[in-house]
């Protein structure tokens, strides 16, 4: 099913998932879709392996958790953030440590203090390699951390070949 990209979320400099200047980071970019879902795109690298040429399950969990947790930013326009309370991952297929991968996250239950979401890590051919489910508490950023937007370089960074429409499944 094709979806239109309706916006892009900011990256930071140091985050393990979205930090563009973190040498160990995934350097993921996050795109808001017309379905209300959020899509992360990142390049798998050898540094993320467990067994040779296989991505570590903890990395799979981290990108799923971040994508699902960030889904609330789409609805709240950055006013409310999600802090993980509970998270589970189901690893279904081997994830290679090369190539571009996508993760789709969505909110499935939205309450006044908590939200729940699900997501999938997709291989290059669209096959679901891992599934995640999480529960998050809603909090304003100032209650989570002392976050200096300028110091953390929290901003939308555009790439030369950004998607305008994507295939997210059958």
N, C-alpha and C. Protein backbone atom coordinates (compact mmCIF):
# COMPACT_ATOMS: atom_id res chain seq x y z
N UNK A 1 0.84 -1.17 0.00
CA UNK A 1 0.00 0.00 0.00
C UNK A 1 0.90 1.24 0.00
N UNK A 2 0.63 2.14 -0.91
CA UNK A 2 1.42 3.37 -0.99
C UNK A 2 0.88 4.41 -0.02
N UNK A 3 1.81 5.14 0.60
CA UNK A 3 1.47 6.22 1.51
C UNK A 3 2.28 7.45 1.13
N UNK A 4 1.65 8.62 1.30
CA UNK A 4 2.35 9.88 1.05
C UNK A 4 3.07 10.33 2.31
N UNK A 5 4.25 10.88 2.13
CA UNK A 5 5.00 11.48 3.22
C UNK A 5 4.44 12.89 3.41
N UNK A 6 4.01 13.21 4.64
CA UNK A 6 3.41 14.52 4.92
C UNK A 6 4.32 15.42 5.74
N UNK A 7 5.39 14.88 6.30
CA UNK A 7 6.30 15.70 7.09
C UNK A 7 7.51 14.90 7.53
N UNK A 8 8.47 15.61 8.07
CA UNK A 8 9.68 14.99 8.58
C UNK A 8 9.92 15.48 10.00
N UNK A 9 10.33 14.57 10.87
CA UNK A 9 10.62 14.94 12.25
C UNK A 9 12.09 15.30 12.42
N UNK A 10 12.39 16.07 13.46
CA UNK A 10 13.78 16.48 13.70
C UNK A 10 14.69 15.32 14.09
N UNK A 11 15.98 15.56 13.90
CA UNK A 11 17.05 14.70 14.39
C UNK A 11 17.81 15.49 15.44
N UNK A 12 18.60 14.78 16.24
CA UNK A 12 19.48 15.46 17.19
C UNK A 12 20.92 15.13 16.82
N UNK A 13 21.82 15.57 17.64
CA UNK A 13 23.22 15.30 17.36
C UNK A 13 23.69 14.04 18.06
N UNK A 14 23.18 13.70 19.26
CA UNK A 14 23.78 12.65 20.07
C UNK A 14 22.95 11.40 20.29
N UNK A 15 21.67 11.41 20.01
CA UNK A 15 20.80 10.26 20.27
C UNK A 15 21.36 9.00 19.60
N UNK A 16 21.26 7.87 20.25
CA UNK A 16 21.74 6.61 19.69
C UNK A 16 20.94 6.21 18.44
N UNK A 17 19.69 6.64 18.35
CA UNK A 17 18.87 6.28 17.19
C UNK A 17 18.89 7.38 16.13
N UNK A 18 18.62 8.63 16.49
CA UNK A 18 18.51 9.69 15.48
C UNK A 18 19.69 10.66 15.45
N UNK A 19 20.66 10.48 16.33
CA UNK A 19 21.78 11.42 16.40
C UNK A 19 22.67 11.36 15.18
N UNK A 20 22.71 12.44 14.42
CA UNK A 20 23.47 12.46 13.18
C UNK A 20 24.97 12.59 13.40
N UNK A 21 25.39 13.01 14.61
CA UNK A 21 26.81 13.14 14.90
C UNK A 21 27.29 12.08 15.89
N UNK A 22 26.45 11.11 16.18
CA UNK A 22 26.84 10.00 17.07
C UNK A 22 27.46 8.92 16.20
N UNK A 23 28.78 8.69 16.32
CA UNK A 23 29.42 7.72 15.43
C UNK A 23 28.88 6.29 15.60
N UNK A 24 28.33 5.97 16.75
CA UNK A 24 27.77 4.63 17.00
C UNK A 24 26.28 4.57 16.67
N UNK A 25 25.67 5.69 16.33
CA UNK A 25 24.23 5.77 16.16
C UNK A 25 23.71 5.20 14.86
N UNK A 26 22.39 5.02 14.84
CA UNK A 26 21.71 4.51 13.65
C UNK A 26 21.50 5.58 12.59
N UNK A 27 21.53 6.85 12.99
CA UNK A 27 21.34 7.98 12.07
C UNK A 27 20.01 7.87 11.34
N UNK A 28 18.97 7.44 12.05
CA UNK A 28 17.65 7.25 11.46
C UNK A 28 16.97 8.58 11.17
N UNK A 29 16.21 8.60 10.10
CA UNK A 29 15.37 9.74 9.74
C UNK A 29 13.92 9.29 9.85
N UNK A 30 13.04 10.20 10.31
CA UNK A 30 11.66 9.87 10.61
C UNK A 30 10.71 10.70 9.76
N UNK A 31 9.81 9.98 9.06
CA UNK A 31 8.87 10.61 8.14
C UNK A 31 7.44 10.32 8.58
N UNK A 32 6.63 11.37 8.65
CA UNK A 32 5.22 11.24 8.98
C UNK A 32 4.46 10.90 7.70
N UNK A 33 3.53 9.94 7.82
CA UNK A 33 2.78 9.46 6.66
C UNK A 33 1.32 9.90 6.73
N UNK A 34 0.67 9.95 5.59
CA UNK A 34 -0.72 10.39 5.54
C UNK A 34 -1.67 9.44 6.27
N UNK A 35 -1.22 8.27 6.64
CA UNK A 35 -2.02 7.31 7.40
C UNK A 35 -1.99 7.60 8.90
N UNK A 36 -1.15 8.57 9.32
CA UNK A 36 -0.97 8.85 10.74
C UNK A 36 0.17 8.03 11.34
N UNK A 37 0.76 7.16 10.53
CA UNK A 37 1.89 6.35 10.99
C UNK A 37 3.18 7.14 10.84
N UNK A 38 4.24 6.59 11.44
CA UNK A 38 5.56 7.19 11.35
C UNK A 38 6.49 6.15 10.74
N UNK A 39 7.34 6.58 9.82
CA UNK A 39 8.30 5.68 9.20
C UNK A 39 9.72 6.13 9.50
N UNK A 40 10.53 5.20 9.99
CA UNK A 40 11.95 5.45 10.18
C UNK A 40 12.70 4.80 9.04
N UNK A 41 13.75 5.45 8.58
CA UNK A 41 14.63 4.90 7.55
C UNK A 41 16.05 5.01 8.08
N UNK A 42 16.79 3.88 8.00
CA UNK A 42 18.18 3.89 8.43
C UNK A 42 18.96 2.86 7.64
N UNK A 43 20.27 2.99 7.65
CA UNK A 43 21.13 2.05 6.94
C UNK A 43 21.77 1.12 7.95
N UNK A 44 21.52 -0.16 7.77
CA UNK A 44 22.14 -1.18 8.65
C UNK A 44 23.63 -1.22 8.35
N UNK A 45 24.41 -1.33 9.42
CA UNK A 45 25.86 -1.38 9.27
C UNK A 45 26.42 -2.57 10.05
N UNK A 46 27.60 -2.96 9.68
CA UNK A 46 28.29 -4.10 10.31
C UNK A 46 28.45 -3.90 11.82
N UNK A 47 28.58 -2.67 12.26
CA UNK A 47 28.76 -2.39 13.70
C UNK A 47 27.55 -2.81 14.54
N UNK A 48 26.42 -3.07 13.90
CA UNK A 48 25.19 -3.42 14.62
C UNK A 48 24.99 -4.94 14.72
N UNK A 49 25.99 -5.71 14.35
CA UNK A 49 25.82 -7.15 14.31
C UNK A 49 25.91 -7.82 15.68
N UNK A 50 25.30 -8.99 15.73
CA UNK A 50 25.50 -9.93 16.84
C UNK A 50 26.31 -11.06 16.22
N UNK A 51 25.65 -12.01 15.57
CA UNK A 51 26.36 -13.01 14.78
C UNK A 51 26.76 -12.35 13.47
N UNK A 52 27.78 -12.87 12.80
CA UNK A 52 28.23 -12.24 11.56
C UNK A 52 27.09 -12.00 10.57
N UNK A 53 27.04 -10.76 10.09
CA UNK A 53 26.09 -10.30 9.07
C UNK A 53 24.63 -10.33 9.53
N UNK A 54 24.40 -10.43 10.84
CA UNK A 54 23.05 -10.42 11.41
C UNK A 54 22.94 -9.31 12.45
N UNK A 55 21.90 -8.50 12.32
CA UNK A 55 21.72 -7.40 13.25
C UNK A 55 21.35 -7.93 14.64
N UNK A 56 21.89 -7.30 15.66
CA UNK A 56 21.60 -7.64 17.05
C UNK A 56 20.13 -7.34 17.35
N UNK A 57 19.48 -8.23 18.08
CA UNK A 57 18.07 -8.04 18.43
C UNK A 57 17.83 -6.78 19.24
N UNK A 58 18.80 -6.36 20.03
CA UNK A 58 18.66 -5.13 20.81
C UNK A 58 18.59 -3.90 19.92
N UNK A 59 19.30 -3.92 18.81
CA UNK A 59 19.23 -2.82 17.84
C UNK A 59 17.85 -2.80 17.20
N UNK A 60 17.35 -3.99 16.84
CA UNK A 60 15.99 -4.08 16.27
C UNK A 60 14.97 -3.50 17.26
N UNK A 61 15.11 -3.85 18.53
CA UNK A 61 14.19 -3.35 19.56
C UNK A 61 14.31 -1.84 19.71
N UNK A 62 15.53 -1.33 19.69
CA UNK A 62 15.74 0.11 19.87
C UNK A 62 15.07 0.93 18.78
N UNK A 63 15.23 0.53 17.52
CA UNK A 63 14.63 1.31 16.43
C UNK A 63 13.10 1.18 16.44
N UNK A 64 12.59 0.01 16.80
CA UNK A 64 11.14 -0.15 16.92
C UNK A 64 10.60 0.72 18.04
N UNK A 65 11.24 0.68 19.20
CA UNK A 65 10.81 1.47 20.36
C UNK A 65 10.82 2.97 20.03
N UNK A 66 11.88 3.43 19.43
CA UNK A 66 11.99 4.86 19.10
C UNK A 66 10.91 5.28 18.09
N UNK A 67 10.68 4.48 17.09
CA UNK A 67 9.70 4.83 16.06
C UNK A 67 8.29 4.87 16.64
N UNK A 68 7.94 3.84 17.40
CA UNK A 68 6.60 3.82 18.01
C UNK A 68 6.46 4.97 19.01
N UNK A 69 7.46 5.16 19.86
CA UNK A 69 7.41 6.23 20.86
C UNK A 69 7.33 7.62 20.24
N UNK A 70 7.98 7.83 19.11
CA UNK A 70 7.94 9.12 18.42
C UNK A 70 6.61 9.37 17.73
N UNK A 71 5.81 8.34 17.54
CA UNK A 71 4.53 8.52 16.85
C UNK A 71 3.66 9.58 17.52
N UNK A 72 3.79 9.74 18.81
CA UNK A 72 2.99 10.74 19.55
C UNK A 72 3.36 12.16 19.13
N UNK A 73 4.59 12.37 18.67
CA UNK A 73 5.00 13.71 18.24
C UNK A 73 4.17 14.18 17.04
N UNK A 74 3.74 13.24 16.22
CA UNK A 74 2.91 13.57 15.06
C UNK A 74 1.58 14.16 15.52
N UNK A 75 0.98 13.54 16.52
CA UNK A 75 -0.33 14.00 17.03
C UNK A 75 -0.21 15.25 17.89
N UNK A 76 0.87 15.34 18.66
CA UNK A 76 0.98 16.43 19.64
C UNK A 76 1.78 17.61 19.10
N UNK A 77 2.31 17.50 17.88
CA UNK A 77 3.12 18.55 17.27
C UNK A 77 4.30 18.93 18.17
N UNK A 78 4.88 17.92 18.82
CA UNK A 78 6.07 18.14 19.64
C UNK A 78 5.79 18.59 21.06
N UNK A 79 4.54 18.74 21.43
CA UNK A 79 4.20 19.20 22.78
C UNK A 79 4.28 18.08 23.82
N UNK A 80 3.96 16.86 23.40
CA UNK A 80 3.96 15.70 24.29
C UNK A 80 4.90 14.65 23.71
N UNK A 81 5.71 14.07 24.58
CA UNK A 81 6.66 13.04 24.18
C UNK A 81 6.28 11.74 24.87
N UNK A 82 6.75 10.64 24.33
CA UNK A 82 6.50 9.33 24.93
C UNK A 82 7.73 8.80 25.63
N UNK A 83 7.55 8.35 26.88
CA UNK A 83 8.62 7.71 27.64
C UNK A 83 8.21 6.25 27.82
N UNK A 84 9.08 5.35 27.41
CA UNK A 84 8.75 3.93 27.42
C UNK A 84 8.52 3.41 28.83
N UNK A 85 7.40 2.72 29.01
CA UNK A 85 7.06 2.07 30.27
C UNK A 85 7.25 0.56 30.13
N UNK A 86 6.87 0.05 28.97
CA UNK A 86 6.94 -1.39 28.72
C UNK A 86 7.13 -1.60 27.23
N UNK A 87 7.97 -2.57 26.85
CA UNK A 87 8.20 -2.81 25.44
C UNK A 87 8.52 -4.28 25.20
N UNK A 88 7.93 -4.86 24.15
CA UNK A 88 8.23 -6.23 23.76
C UNK A 88 8.54 -6.27 22.27
N UNK A 89 9.40 -7.21 21.91
CA UNK A 89 9.79 -7.38 20.52
C UNK A 89 9.63 -8.84 20.14
N UNK A 90 9.15 -9.06 18.94
CA UNK A 90 9.09 -10.40 18.38
C UNK A 90 9.97 -10.40 17.14
N UNK A 91 11.05 -11.17 17.18
CA UNK A 91 11.98 -11.27 16.06
C UNK A 91 11.54 -12.43 15.18
N UNK A 92 11.21 -12.13 13.92
CA UNK A 92 10.65 -13.14 13.03
C UNK A 92 11.62 -13.61 11.96
N UNK A 93 12.50 -12.74 11.51
CA UNK A 93 13.45 -13.07 10.43
C UNK A 93 14.81 -12.47 10.77
N UNK A 94 15.83 -13.01 10.18
CA UNK A 94 17.18 -12.45 10.31
C UNK A 94 17.21 -11.09 9.63
N UNK A 95 17.81 -10.11 10.30
CA UNK A 95 17.96 -8.77 9.74
C UNK A 95 19.43 -8.61 9.34
N UNK A 96 19.70 -8.37 8.07
CA UNK A 96 21.09 -8.25 7.63
C UNK A 96 21.73 -6.94 8.09
N UNK A 97 23.05 -6.94 8.17
CA UNK A 97 23.78 -5.73 8.58
C UNK A 97 24.29 -4.95 7.37
N UNK A 98 23.47 -4.87 6.36
CA UNK A 98 23.78 -4.04 5.20
C UNK A 98 22.46 -3.61 4.55
N UNK A 99 22.47 -2.47 3.95
CA UNK A 99 21.29 -2.00 3.22
C UNK A 99 20.39 -1.09 4.03
N UNK A 100 19.46 -0.48 3.33
CA UNK A 100 18.51 0.44 3.93
C UNK A 100 17.30 -0.31 4.44
N UNK A 101 16.90 -0.01 5.66
CA UNK A 101 15.75 -0.66 6.29
C UNK A 101 14.73 0.40 6.69
N UNK A 102 13.47 -0.03 6.79
CA UNK A 102 12.39 0.85 7.21
C UNK A 102 11.68 0.27 8.42
N UNK A 103 11.16 1.15 9.24
CA UNK A 103 10.35 0.76 10.39
C UNK A 103 9.08 1.60 10.33
N UNK A 104 7.94 0.96 10.54
CA UNK A 104 6.66 1.67 10.57
C UNK A 104 6.12 1.57 12.00
N UNK A 105 5.72 2.69 12.57
CA UNK A 105 5.16 2.73 13.92
C UNK A 105 3.83 3.47 13.92
N UNK A 106 2.96 3.06 14.85
CA UNK A 106 1.64 3.69 14.94
C UNK A 106 1.12 3.62 16.36
N UNK A 107 0.21 4.50 16.68
CA UNK A 107 -0.49 4.49 17.97
C UNK A 107 -1.76 3.67 17.80
N UNK A 108 -1.98 2.72 18.72
CA UNK A 108 -3.19 1.89 18.64
C UNK A 108 -4.16 2.18 19.78
N UNK A 109 -3.68 2.86 20.81
CA UNK A 109 -4.54 3.24 21.94
C UNK A 109 -3.98 4.53 22.51
N UNK A 110 -4.83 5.55 22.64
CA UNK A 110 -4.38 6.86 23.10
C UNK A 110 -5.25 7.34 24.25
N UNK A 111 -4.71 7.29 25.45
CA UNK A 111 -5.43 7.75 26.64
C UNK A 111 -4.93 9.11 27.09
N UNK A 112 -5.41 9.57 28.21
CA UNK A 112 -5.02 10.89 28.69
C UNK A 112 -3.57 10.93 29.21
N UNK A 113 -3.10 9.84 29.85
CA UNK A 113 -1.74 9.82 30.40
C UNK A 113 -0.80 8.86 29.68
N UNK A 114 -1.36 7.84 29.03
CA UNK A 114 -0.55 6.81 28.38
C UNK A 114 -1.02 6.60 26.94
N UNK A 115 -0.13 6.05 26.13
CA UNK A 115 -0.53 5.56 24.81
C UNK A 115 0.18 4.25 24.56
N UNK A 116 -0.39 3.48 23.65
CA UNK A 116 0.20 2.21 23.25
C UNK A 116 0.38 2.22 21.75
N UNK A 117 1.43 1.53 21.30
CA UNK A 117 1.69 1.49 19.87
C UNK A 117 2.28 0.18 19.43
N UNK A 118 2.25 -0.02 18.12
CA UNK A 118 2.84 -1.20 17.51
C UNK A 118 3.69 -0.75 16.32
N UNK A 119 4.55 -1.65 15.88
CA UNK A 119 5.37 -1.33 14.72
C UNK A 119 6.03 -2.56 14.13
N UNK A 120 6.57 -2.37 12.93
CA UNK A 120 7.25 -3.44 12.22
C UNK A 120 8.55 -2.93 11.62
N UNK A 121 9.58 -3.75 11.71
CA UNK A 121 10.84 -3.50 11.02
C UNK A 121 10.77 -4.29 9.72
N UNK A 122 10.93 -3.60 8.60
CA UNK A 122 10.76 -4.20 7.28
C UNK A 122 12.11 -4.40 6.59
N UNK A 123 12.28 -5.56 5.98
CA UNK A 123 13.46 -5.80 5.17
C UNK A 123 13.31 -5.04 3.86
N UNK A 124 14.36 -5.03 3.04
CA UNK A 124 14.33 -4.27 1.80
C UNK A 124 13.21 -4.71 0.86
N UNK A 125 12.81 -5.97 0.92
CA UNK A 125 11.73 -6.45 0.05
C UNK A 125 10.34 -6.27 0.67
N UNK A 126 10.27 -5.63 1.85
CA UNK A 126 9.00 -5.37 2.51
C UNK A 126 8.57 -6.44 3.50
N UNK A 127 9.33 -7.53 3.61
CA UNK A 127 9.03 -8.59 4.56
C UNK A 127 9.18 -8.08 5.98
N UNK A 128 8.24 -8.44 6.86
CA UNK A 128 8.33 -8.05 8.27
C UNK A 128 9.37 -8.94 8.96
N UNK A 129 10.42 -8.31 9.47
CA UNK A 129 11.49 -9.04 10.15
C UNK A 129 11.32 -9.01 11.66
N UNK A 130 10.70 -7.97 12.19
CA UNK A 130 10.52 -7.86 13.64
C UNK A 130 9.28 -7.02 13.91
N UNK A 131 8.63 -7.32 15.02
CA UNK A 131 7.44 -6.58 15.45
C UNK A 131 7.67 -6.08 16.87
N UNK A 132 7.15 -4.90 17.14
CA UNK A 132 7.26 -4.33 18.47
C UNK A 132 5.92 -3.85 18.98
N UNK A 133 5.79 -3.86 20.29
CA UNK A 133 4.59 -3.35 20.95
C UNK A 133 5.06 -2.65 22.22
N UNK A 134 4.57 -1.42 22.43
CA UNK A 134 5.00 -0.67 23.59
C UNK A 134 3.90 0.11 24.26
N UNK A 135 4.16 0.44 25.51
CA UNK A 135 3.29 1.31 26.30
C UNK A 135 4.16 2.47 26.78
N UNK A 136 3.64 3.69 26.66
CA UNK A 136 4.41 4.90 26.92
C UNK A 136 3.61 5.86 27.79
N UNK A 137 4.31 6.57 28.66
CA UNK A 137 3.67 7.64 29.41
C UNK A 137 3.91 8.93 28.64
N UNK A 138 2.90 9.77 28.60
CA UNK A 138 3.00 11.07 27.92
C UNK A 138 3.61 12.09 28.87
N UNK A 139 4.62 12.81 28.38
CA UNK A 139 5.27 13.83 29.20
C UNK A 139 5.75 14.98 28.32
N UNK A 140 5.73 16.19 28.88
CA UNK A 140 6.37 17.30 28.15
C UNK A 140 7.89 17.14 28.28
N UNK A 141 8.60 17.58 27.28
CA UNK A 141 10.05 17.40 27.24
C UNK A 141 10.76 17.96 28.47
N UNK A 142 10.30 19.10 28.97
CA UNK A 142 10.98 19.71 30.12
C UNK A 142 10.90 18.86 31.39
N UNK A 143 9.96 17.92 31.45
CA UNK A 143 9.88 17.01 32.61
C UNK A 143 10.72 15.74 32.39
N UNK A 144 11.16 15.50 31.18
CA UNK A 144 11.96 14.31 30.87
C UNK A 144 13.44 14.58 31.06
N UNK A 145 13.91 15.70 30.51
CA UNK A 145 15.35 15.98 30.52
C UNK A 145 15.60 17.47 30.37
N UNK A 146 16.79 17.88 30.76
CA UNK A 146 17.25 19.24 30.53
C UNK A 146 17.74 19.27 29.08
N UNK A 147 16.85 19.60 28.17
CA UNK A 147 17.11 19.47 26.73
C UNK A 147 17.26 20.85 26.11
N UNK A 148 18.46 21.19 25.72
CA UNK A 148 18.75 22.44 25.05
C UNK A 148 18.66 22.18 23.54
N UNK A 149 17.63 22.70 22.91
CA UNK A 149 17.36 22.45 21.49
C UNK A 149 18.56 22.83 20.64
N UNK A 150 19.18 23.96 20.91
CA UNK A 150 20.33 24.40 20.11
C UNK A 150 21.55 23.52 20.36
N UNK A 151 21.86 23.25 21.62
CA UNK A 151 23.02 22.42 21.94
C UNK A 151 22.88 21.01 21.38
N UNK A 152 21.66 20.48 21.38
CA UNK A 152 21.43 19.13 20.86
C UNK A 152 21.20 19.11 19.34
N UNK A 153 21.21 20.30 18.73
CA UNK A 153 21.01 20.42 17.28
C UNK A 153 19.73 19.71 16.84
N UNK A 154 18.66 19.92 17.63
CA UNK A 154 17.36 19.32 17.37
C UNK A 154 16.68 20.10 16.25
N UNK A 155 16.73 19.53 15.03
CA UNK A 155 16.14 20.21 13.88
C UNK A 155 15.91 19.21 12.74
N UNK A 156 15.03 19.61 11.85
CA UNK A 156 14.77 18.81 10.66
C UNK A 156 15.96 18.99 9.71
N UNK A 157 16.52 17.87 9.32
CA UNK A 157 17.65 17.86 8.39
C UNK A 157 17.21 17.13 7.13
N UNK A 158 17.20 17.84 6.03
CA UNK A 158 16.72 17.24 4.78
C UNK A 158 17.85 16.54 4.03
N UNK A 159 17.48 15.45 3.39
CA UNK A 159 18.40 14.67 2.56
C UNK A 159 18.09 14.95 1.10
N UNK A 160 19.07 14.76 0.20
CA UNK A 160 18.82 15.06 -1.21
C UNK A 160 17.78 14.15 -1.87
N UNK A 161 17.60 12.93 -1.38
CA UNK A 161 16.69 11.98 -2.04
C UNK A 161 15.56 11.54 -1.11
N UNK A 162 14.94 12.48 -0.44
CA UNK A 162 13.89 12.13 0.51
C UNK A 162 12.65 11.62 -0.19
N UNK A 163 12.01 10.62 0.42
CA UNK A 163 10.81 10.05 -0.20
C UNK A 163 9.61 10.99 -0.14
N UNK A 164 8.77 10.94 -1.15
CA UNK A 164 7.50 11.67 -1.14
C UNK A 164 6.34 10.70 -1.06
N UNK A 165 6.60 9.45 -1.45
CA UNK A 165 5.62 8.39 -1.37
C UNK A 165 6.38 7.09 -1.10
N UNK A 166 5.80 6.23 -0.25
CA UNK A 166 6.48 4.98 0.11
C UNK A 166 5.51 3.82 0.11
N UNK A 167 6.06 2.65 -0.08
CA UNK A 167 5.30 1.40 0.01
C UNK A 167 5.47 0.88 1.43
N UNK A 168 4.35 0.65 2.14
CA UNK A 168 4.45 0.23 3.54
C UNK A 168 3.90 -1.17 3.80
N UNK A 169 3.54 -1.88 2.81
CA UNK A 169 3.05 -3.25 3.00
C UNK A 169 1.97 -3.57 1.99
N UNK A 170 1.42 -4.76 2.16
CA UNK A 170 0.41 -5.19 1.19
C UNK A 170 -0.99 -4.76 1.56
